[in-house]
Protein backbone atom coordinates (compact mmCIF):
# COMPACT_ATOMS: atom_id res chain seq x y z
CA MET A 1 41.91 -38.96 53.03
CA GLU A 2 40.49 -36.82 55.82
CA ILE A 3 40.16 -33.11 55.05
CA PRO A 4 42.25 -30.93 57.44
CA GLU A 5 39.99 -29.00 59.83
CA ASP A 6 40.82 -25.55 58.43
CA TYR A 7 39.88 -26.72 54.91
CA ARG A 8 36.67 -28.45 55.98
CA LEU A 9 33.58 -26.41 55.03
CA SER A 10 31.69 -27.66 58.13
CA SER A 11 34.40 -26.11 60.28
CA TYR A 12 32.96 -22.67 59.42
CA ASP A 13 29.42 -23.48 60.58
CA TYR A 14 27.88 -22.00 63.71
CA ASP A 15 24.41 -21.88 65.21
CA LEU A 16 22.68 -18.53 64.61
CA PRO A 17 19.21 -17.89 66.06
CA GLU A 18 16.83 -16.32 63.54
CA ASP A 19 16.20 -13.34 65.80
CA ARG A 20 19.89 -12.29 65.68
CA ILE A 21 19.63 -11.51 61.95
CA ALA A 22 19.03 -7.74 61.68
CA GLN A 23 15.93 -7.02 59.63
CA GLU A 24 16.23 -3.25 59.97
CA PRO A 25 19.23 -0.91 60.29
CA ALA A 26 20.00 0.82 63.55
CA LYS A 27 18.04 4.01 64.15
CA GLN A 28 21.17 6.03 63.47
CA ARG A 29 23.85 5.02 60.97
CA ASP A 30 26.59 5.03 63.60
CA GLY A 31 24.23 3.70 66.27
CA SER A 32 25.44 0.11 65.83
CA ARG A 33 27.72 -1.73 68.18
CA LEU A 34 31.36 -2.65 67.49
CA LEU A 35 33.35 -5.71 68.60
CA VAL A 36 37.10 -5.14 68.54
CA LEU A 37 39.29 -8.23 68.10
CA ASP A 38 42.98 -7.81 68.80
CA ARG A 39 44.81 -10.71 67.07
CA LYS A 40 47.91 -10.34 69.23
CA ASP A 41 46.27 -11.46 72.43
CA ARG A 42 42.86 -12.59 71.00
CA SER A 43 41.17 -10.09 73.30
CA LEU A 44 37.55 -9.02 72.56
CA THR A 45 36.27 -5.56 73.44
CA PRO A 46 32.57 -4.77 72.94
CA THR A 47 31.96 -1.11 72.39
CA ARG A 48 30.00 1.31 70.19
CA PHE A 49 30.73 2.19 66.57
CA THR A 50 31.01 5.84 67.54
CA ASP A 51 34.16 4.80 69.50
CA LEU A 52 35.85 3.51 66.38
CA LEU A 53 38.51 6.20 66.47
CA ASP A 54 39.61 5.09 69.91
CA PHE A 55 40.71 1.75 68.46
CA LEU A 56 42.02 2.57 65.00
CA PRO A 57 45.82 2.86 64.78
CA LYS A 58 46.56 6.58 64.68
CA ASP A 59 48.66 6.40 61.47
CA CYS A 60 46.58 3.85 59.54
CA LEU A 61 45.18 4.03 56.04
CA LEU A 62 41.48 3.24 55.67
CA VAL A 63 40.43 1.88 52.27
CA ALA A 64 36.72 1.78 51.44
CA ASN A 65 34.64 0.49 48.53
CA ASN A 66 32.76 3.41 46.88
CA SER A 67 30.48 1.33 44.63
CA ARG A 68 26.78 2.14 44.70
CA VAL A 69 23.83 -0.27 44.83
CA ILE A 70 21.39 -0.12 41.93
CA PRO A 71 17.68 -0.84 42.36
CA ALA A 72 18.46 -3.88 40.20
CA ARG A 73 15.24 -5.92 40.69
CA VAL A 74 12.53 -5.07 38.19
CA PHE A 75 9.19 -6.72 37.49
CA GLY A 76 7.75 -7.10 33.98
CA HIS A 77 5.59 -9.35 31.89
CA LYS A 78 5.77 -11.59 28.86
CA ALA A 79 3.53 -11.18 25.82
CA THR A 80 1.28 -13.89 27.32
CA GLY A 81 0.80 -11.70 30.41
CA GLY A 82 2.93 -13.94 32.62
CA GLN A 83 4.87 -12.07 35.36
CA VAL A 84 8.66 -12.07 35.26
CA GLU A 85 11.22 -10.84 37.76
CA PHE A 86 14.63 -9.73 36.48
CA LEU A 87 17.70 -9.01 38.62
CA LEU A 88 20.41 -7.16 36.69
CA LEU A 89 23.89 -8.48 37.52
CA THR A 90 26.04 -6.51 35.03
CA PRO A 91 27.26 -3.14 36.45
CA LEU A 92 25.99 -0.23 34.38
CA PRO A 93 29.46 1.29 33.82
CA LEU A 94 30.58 -1.97 32.21
CA MET A 95 27.76 -2.18 29.66
CA LYS A 96 28.61 -1.40 26.07
CA ALA A 97 25.50 0.18 24.59
CA VAL A 98 24.83 0.87 20.95
CA GLU A 99 22.11 3.19 19.62
CA GLU A 100 19.79 2.43 16.72
CA GLY A 101 16.68 4.42 15.81
CA GLY A 102 16.42 6.10 19.19
CA TRP A 103 16.76 2.84 21.07
CA PHE A 104 19.80 1.73 23.05
CA MET A 105 20.85 -1.90 23.15
CA ALA A 106 23.32 -3.73 25.35
CA GLU A 107 24.10 -7.29 26.35
CA ALA A 108 23.93 -8.04 30.06
CA GLU A 109 23.65 -10.86 32.57
CA GLY A 110 20.92 -11.32 35.16
CA LEU A 111 18.58 -13.66 37.00
CA LEU A 112 15.20 -14.34 35.47
CA ARG A 113 12.38 -15.74 37.54
CA ALA A 114 8.91 -16.68 36.30
CA SER A 115 6.19 -19.26 37.07
CA LYS A 116 7.05 -20.85 33.72
CA GLY A 117 10.72 -20.63 32.97
CA PRO A 118 11.51 -18.29 30.09
CA LYS A 119 12.91 -19.67 26.82
CA PRO A 120 15.50 -18.14 24.49
CA GLY A 121 13.75 -15.39 22.49
CA THR A 122 11.24 -14.56 25.22
CA ILE A 123 10.61 -10.79 25.43
CA VAL A 124 9.93 -9.26 28.83
CA SER A 125 8.50 -5.71 28.97
CA PHE A 126 9.01 -3.46 32.00
CA SER A 127 7.60 -0.24 30.45
CA ASP A 128 6.99 1.30 27.04
CA ASP A 129 10.65 2.37 26.97
CA PHE A 130 12.34 -0.66 28.51
CA HIS A 131 12.33 -4.40 27.73
CA LEU A 132 14.65 -7.35 27.34
CA THR A 133 15.06 -10.44 25.25
CA ALA A 134 16.23 -13.66 26.87
CA VAL A 135 19.20 -14.95 24.90
CA GLU A 136 20.88 -17.90 26.66
CA ALA A 137 20.48 -19.63 30.04
CA SER A 138 23.34 -20.59 32.25
CA GLU A 139 23.67 -22.13 35.70
CA PHE A 140 21.87 -21.07 38.89
CA GLY A 141 19.12 -19.15 37.04
CA ARG A 142 21.51 -16.78 35.24
CA TRP A 143 20.66 -15.58 31.77
CA LYS A 144 22.40 -13.66 29.04
CA VAL A 145 19.93 -11.05 27.88
CA GLU A 146 19.73 -8.15 25.49
CA LEU A 147 18.40 -4.99 27.05
CA ARG A 148 16.62 -2.38 24.91
CA TRP A 149 15.64 1.03 26.23
CA LYS A 150 15.11 4.69 25.49
CA GLY A 151 16.56 7.48 27.54
CA ASP A 152 18.79 6.90 30.56
CA LEU A 153 19.04 3.31 31.77
CA LYS A 154 20.05 4.26 35.35
CA ALA A 155 16.97 6.51 35.57
CA LEU A 156 14.75 3.67 34.37
CA PHE A 157 16.10 1.34 37.10
CA ASP A 158 15.75 4.16 39.69
CA ALA A 159 12.11 4.64 38.67
CA LEU A 160 11.03 1.04 38.19
CA GLY A 161 13.45 -1.02 40.29
CA HIS A 162 13.60 -2.36 43.84
CA LEU A 163 16.72 -2.63 45.97
CA PRO A 164 17.83 -6.27 46.05
CA LEU A 165 17.93 -6.70 49.79
CA PRO A 166 19.69 -9.91 50.86
CA PRO A 167 17.46 -13.04 51.00
CA TYR A 168 17.83 -13.28 54.83
CA ILE A 169 16.00 -9.94 55.21
CA LYS A 170 12.49 -11.24 55.31
CA ARG A 171 10.58 -8.14 54.14
CA PRO A 172 10.14 -6.10 50.94
CA ASP A 173 12.47 -3.18 50.37
CA GLY A 174 11.02 0.18 51.49
CA LYS A 175 11.65 3.86 50.92
CA ALA A 176 14.10 4.06 53.87
CA ASP A 177 16.30 1.38 52.26
CA ARG A 178 16.95 3.66 49.35
CA GLU A 179 19.10 5.74 51.65
CA ARG A 180 20.20 3.28 54.37
CA TYR A 181 21.31 0.46 52.06
CA GLN A 182 23.86 2.81 50.50
CA THR A 183 27.09 4.15 52.03
CA THR A 184 27.21 7.91 52.44
CA TYR A 185 30.33 7.99 50.27
CA SER A 186 29.01 5.83 47.41
CA ASP A 187 29.82 7.26 44.00
CA THR A 188 26.90 7.63 41.56
CA SER A 189 29.34 7.04 38.66
CA ARG A 190 30.10 3.66 40.28
CA THR A 191 26.51 2.41 40.26
CA GLY A 192 26.17 -1.29 39.66
CA SER A 193 26.45 -3.34 42.86
CA VAL A 194 23.56 -5.66 43.73
CA ALA A 195 24.57 -5.72 47.37
CA ALA A 196 25.94 -2.98 49.62
CA PRO A 197 29.50 -3.07 50.93
CA THR A 198 27.88 -3.27 54.35
CA ALA A 199 30.82 -2.46 56.60
CA GLY A 200 30.61 1.06 55.20
CA LEU A 201 26.96 1.50 56.12
CA HIS A 202 27.95 2.61 59.63
CA PHE A 203 29.88 5.71 58.52
CA THR A 204 28.34 9.17 58.75
CA PRO A 205 29.75 12.32 57.14
CA GLU A 206 30.46 13.55 60.70
CA LEU A 207 32.55 10.47 61.48
CA ARG A 208 34.39 10.84 58.20
CA GLU A 209 35.25 14.38 59.20
CA GLN A 210 36.52 13.20 62.59
CA ILE A 211 38.70 10.63 60.81
CA ARG A 212 40.15 13.37 58.59
CA ALA A 213 40.72 15.68 61.57
CA ARG A 214 42.53 12.88 63.44
CA GLY A 215 44.94 12.66 60.47
CA ILE A 216 43.85 9.14 59.48
CA GLU A 217 44.17 8.76 55.71
CA TRP A 218 41.18 7.62 53.63
CA ALA A 219 41.32 6.07 50.14
CA GLU A 220 38.74 4.39 47.97
CA VAL A 221 38.53 1.46 45.61
CA THR A 222 35.61 0.07 43.57
CA LEU A 223 34.33 -3.48 43.56
CA TYR A 224 30.92 -4.06 41.99
CA VAL A 225 29.38 -6.47 44.52
CA GLY A 226 27.76 -9.33 42.60
CA TYR A 227 24.96 -11.70 43.53
CA GLY A 228 27.62 -14.29 44.18
CA THR A 229 28.32 -12.63 47.51
CA PHE A 230 25.24 -14.58 48.75
CA SER A 231 26.19 -17.81 46.98
CA PRO A 232 27.11 -20.54 49.48
CA VAL A 233 30.38 -22.41 49.32
CA ARG A 234 29.22 -25.89 48.27
CA CYS A 235 32.50 -27.88 48.31
CA PRO A 236 33.09 -30.00 51.44
CA ASP A 237 36.80 -29.22 50.92
CA ILE A 238 37.00 -25.43 50.53
CA ARG A 239 40.17 -25.78 48.48
CA ASP A 240 37.89 -26.99 45.65
CA HIS A 241 35.79 -23.82 45.75
CA ARG A 242 35.95 -21.53 42.72
CA MET A 243 35.06 -17.90 43.52
CA HIS A 244 32.85 -15.82 41.20
CA ALA A 245 34.74 -13.10 39.33
CA GLU A 246 34.03 -9.50 40.17
CA TYR A 247 35.19 -6.28 38.51
CA ILE A 248 37.54 -4.10 40.58
CA GLU A 249 39.18 -0.72 40.16
CA VAL A 250 42.18 0.65 42.02
CA SER A 251 43.04 4.21 41.00
CA ASP A 252 46.48 5.83 40.69
CA ALA A 253 45.83 7.80 43.85
CA THR A 254 44.74 4.81 45.91
CA ALA A 255 47.63 2.67 44.71
CA GLU A 256 50.04 5.45 45.66
CA ALA A 257 48.44 5.85 49.09
CA VAL A 258 48.75 2.12 49.72
CA ARG A 259 52.36 1.97 48.51
CA ARG A 260 53.23 4.91 50.75
CA ALA A 261 51.56 3.34 53.80
CA LYS A 262 53.34 0.04 53.28
CA ALA A 263 56.70 1.75 52.80
CA GLU A 264 56.20 3.75 56.00
CA GLY A 265 55.06 0.72 57.97
CA ARG A 266 51.57 2.13 58.51
CA PRO A 267 48.73 -0.39 58.77
CA VAL A 268 46.26 -0.68 55.84
CA ILE A 269 42.77 -1.27 57.26
CA ALA A 270 40.14 -2.46 54.73
CA VAL A 271 36.61 -1.15 55.28
CA GLY A 272 34.80 -4.39 54.42
CA THR A 273 35.55 -7.69 52.80
CA THR A 274 35.02 -6.20 49.33
CA SER A 275 37.78 -3.64 49.92
CA ALA A 276 40.06 -6.40 51.19
CA ARG A 277 39.31 -8.57 48.18
CA THR A 278 39.97 -5.62 45.86
CA LEU A 279 43.36 -4.85 47.40
CA GLU A 280 44.53 -8.48 47.54
CA GLY A 281 43.05 -9.12 44.10
CA MET A 282 44.89 -6.15 42.68
CA LEU A 283 48.14 -7.53 44.09
CA ARG A 284 47.50 -11.00 42.59
CA GLU A 285 46.29 -9.81 39.18
CA ALA A 286 48.74 -6.93 38.68
CA GLY A 287 51.69 -8.55 40.51
CA SER A 288 52.37 -5.50 42.63
CA ILE A 289 50.61 -2.53 44.26
CA ARG A 290 49.66 -0.52 41.20
CA PRO A 291 46.56 0.89 39.47
CA PHE A 292 44.30 -1.90 38.20
CA HIS A 293 41.03 -2.17 36.37
CA GLY A 294 39.70 -5.67 35.61
CA GLU A 295 38.29 -8.84 37.12
CA THR A 296 39.53 -10.93 40.00
CA ASP A 297 38.28 -14.29 41.20
CA ILE A 298 40.65 -14.46 44.18
CA PHE A 299 39.46 -16.79 47.01
CA ILE A 300 41.06 -15.94 50.34
CA SER A 301 41.09 -18.82 52.76
CA PRO A 302 43.34 -20.12 55.58
CA GLY A 303 46.87 -20.54 54.39
CA TYR A 304 46.69 -17.30 52.41
CA THR A 305 49.27 -14.68 53.24
CA PHE A 306 47.88 -11.17 53.05
CA GLY A 307 50.15 -8.87 51.02
CA VAL A 308 48.33 -5.57 51.51
CA VAL A 309 45.70 -5.70 54.20
CA ASP A 310 46.75 -5.53 57.88
CA GLY A 311 43.30 -5.30 59.45
CA ILE A 312 39.64 -5.19 58.51
CA LEU A 313 36.43 -3.54 59.62
CA THR A 314 33.55 -5.85 58.72
CA ASN A 315 30.12 -7.06 59.73
CA PHE A 316 29.24 -10.57 60.93
CA HIS A 317 28.96 -13.10 58.12
CA LEU A 318 26.85 -16.14 57.16
CA PRO A 319 27.96 -19.60 58.32
CA GLU A 320 30.03 -21.47 55.75
CA SER A 321 30.31 -18.37 53.53
CA SER A 322 33.35 -17.25 51.62
CA LEU A 323 33.40 -14.12 53.81
CA ILE A 324 33.72 -15.90 57.17
CA ILE A 325 36.41 -18.03 55.50
CA MET A 326 38.23 -14.85 54.38
CA ILE A 327 38.32 -13.25 57.81
CA SER A 328 39.41 -16.60 59.26
CA ALA A 329 42.40 -16.41 56.95
CA LEU A 330 43.29 -13.13 58.57
CA ALA A 331 42.63 -13.90 62.23
CA GLY A 332 42.45 -17.68 62.47
CA ARG A 333 39.37 -19.89 62.29
CA LYS A 334 39.15 -20.65 66.00
CA THR A 335 39.71 -16.99 66.91
CA ILE A 336 36.86 -15.92 64.59
CA LEU A 337 34.45 -18.63 65.83
CA ASP A 338 35.25 -17.67 69.45
CA ALA A 339 34.55 -14.05 68.59
CA TYR A 340 31.25 -14.96 66.95
CA ALA A 341 30.26 -16.99 69.96
CA PHE A 342 31.05 -14.01 72.16
CA ALA A 343 28.99 -11.74 69.89
CA LEU A 344 26.00 -14.09 70.11
CA GLU A 345 26.28 -14.28 73.89
CA ASN A 346 26.36 -10.45 74.03
CA ASN A 347 23.39 -9.87 71.74
CA PHE A 348 25.19 -8.46 68.71
CA ARG A 349 23.12 -8.16 65.55
CA PHE A 350 24.26 -10.11 62.50
CA PHE A 351 24.63 -9.61 58.72
CA SER A 352 24.03 -6.65 56.43
CA TYR A 353 22.06 -4.33 58.74
CA GLY A 354 23.79 -5.67 61.85
CA ASP A 355 26.70 -4.63 64.00
CA ALA A 356 30.38 -4.34 63.11
CA MET A 357 33.66 -6.00 63.99
CA LEU A 358 37.17 -4.48 63.84
CA ILE A 359 39.96 -7.02 63.42
CA LEU A 360 43.42 -5.62 64.18
C-alpha cells in the first residue's frame, strides 16, 4: 500500500546548500533575520529579529525553555593509554548520587567513542578526581556508565568539558560558544541539556524588557534537550517512528499562566520546538493543563491536533527531521516547504546558529 504523502519521510526532504548552514552565530544575539509565516493567508514576511514585537499578538503568552547546556563532552583515557571521548546524556539534576569515602557515585547514560570500542568494566579517567566505569552497551553507541568523582560534578564538567556543538557545525567549540550557545535566561539549576533550545538564542535582556513593557506575558518550562534531537527519523512511514523520551517540567506558575491564557482566548506562542513539545507533552501525559514533572516521548506529526500551542518561534530545521515534521503538523507540510524554499532564495541562514521563523 502506498504511503500517503504527509506520512512519507521523503516528503520532508529539501535541498540545502552547505554554505547556508550557519557555522557561527550572528555578531549580535538579536542580529539575526526573522521570517514571519501567517498561516491564515500563507503570507511570508522577511524582517529582522529586532522587529519581533511588531508581529507578536499583543496579548499573547510566550513560553520558553530555560534549560542550560552542559559542556558534556569530555576526553579521557583508559589504563592502556587509549583515548576515549564521553558525551554525558543524563541531566545533572536527574542523577541520584551516593557518597562513599569522599567519593560520589551515580549511574548515568552517555556516548562512548574510542579507537577500540570499550568493554564492560573498562575504566576511563578524566582527572584525578573524575572517572567512569563502562557498565552496559546499548544501541547507537549509548552506554550505561557509573560515574565517580570528588567535589562538584558540574564544576568538573565546566573545567574539563567541551560544549557539544551540533555535528553540522564543522569546527571545534570555542570560548565564545560558552556564552553564545546558551540562552540569556537559562537557569543554572536546570543544567543538563546537550543541545541548546536554539530559538531562544536570539533573545537579549533588552528585548525581554521590551516584551515585559509591552505587556506580553512570559513563562518558562524545562526540557532537557537530549542527543536524540539530532537523531534522524529512519522510518519511510513516519507513523512508525518512535520518539526518544525527554524529561520535562511544567511548574505551577506556568501551568496557571497557560490555563489563564487559554481561558481568555489569548494565543500561546512557544519559543522553540522544545517548549512546544513540553506543553503538548504535558497535556498528553497529565491529561490536562497542570503542573507536570516526568518524561514524554510525544511525536508530533501531521494529523496531530495541538491542544496548547497556537504559534511557534523556531529556527530552520534539518531535512527529514522530527522538528520539521512537528512544525509541518502546525502549519502544513506544503506551507512549510514553500517557506523554506523562500528562505533559501532570500539567503536566510539555517540551523542552530541561523535565523528564526515565527509561525502564527
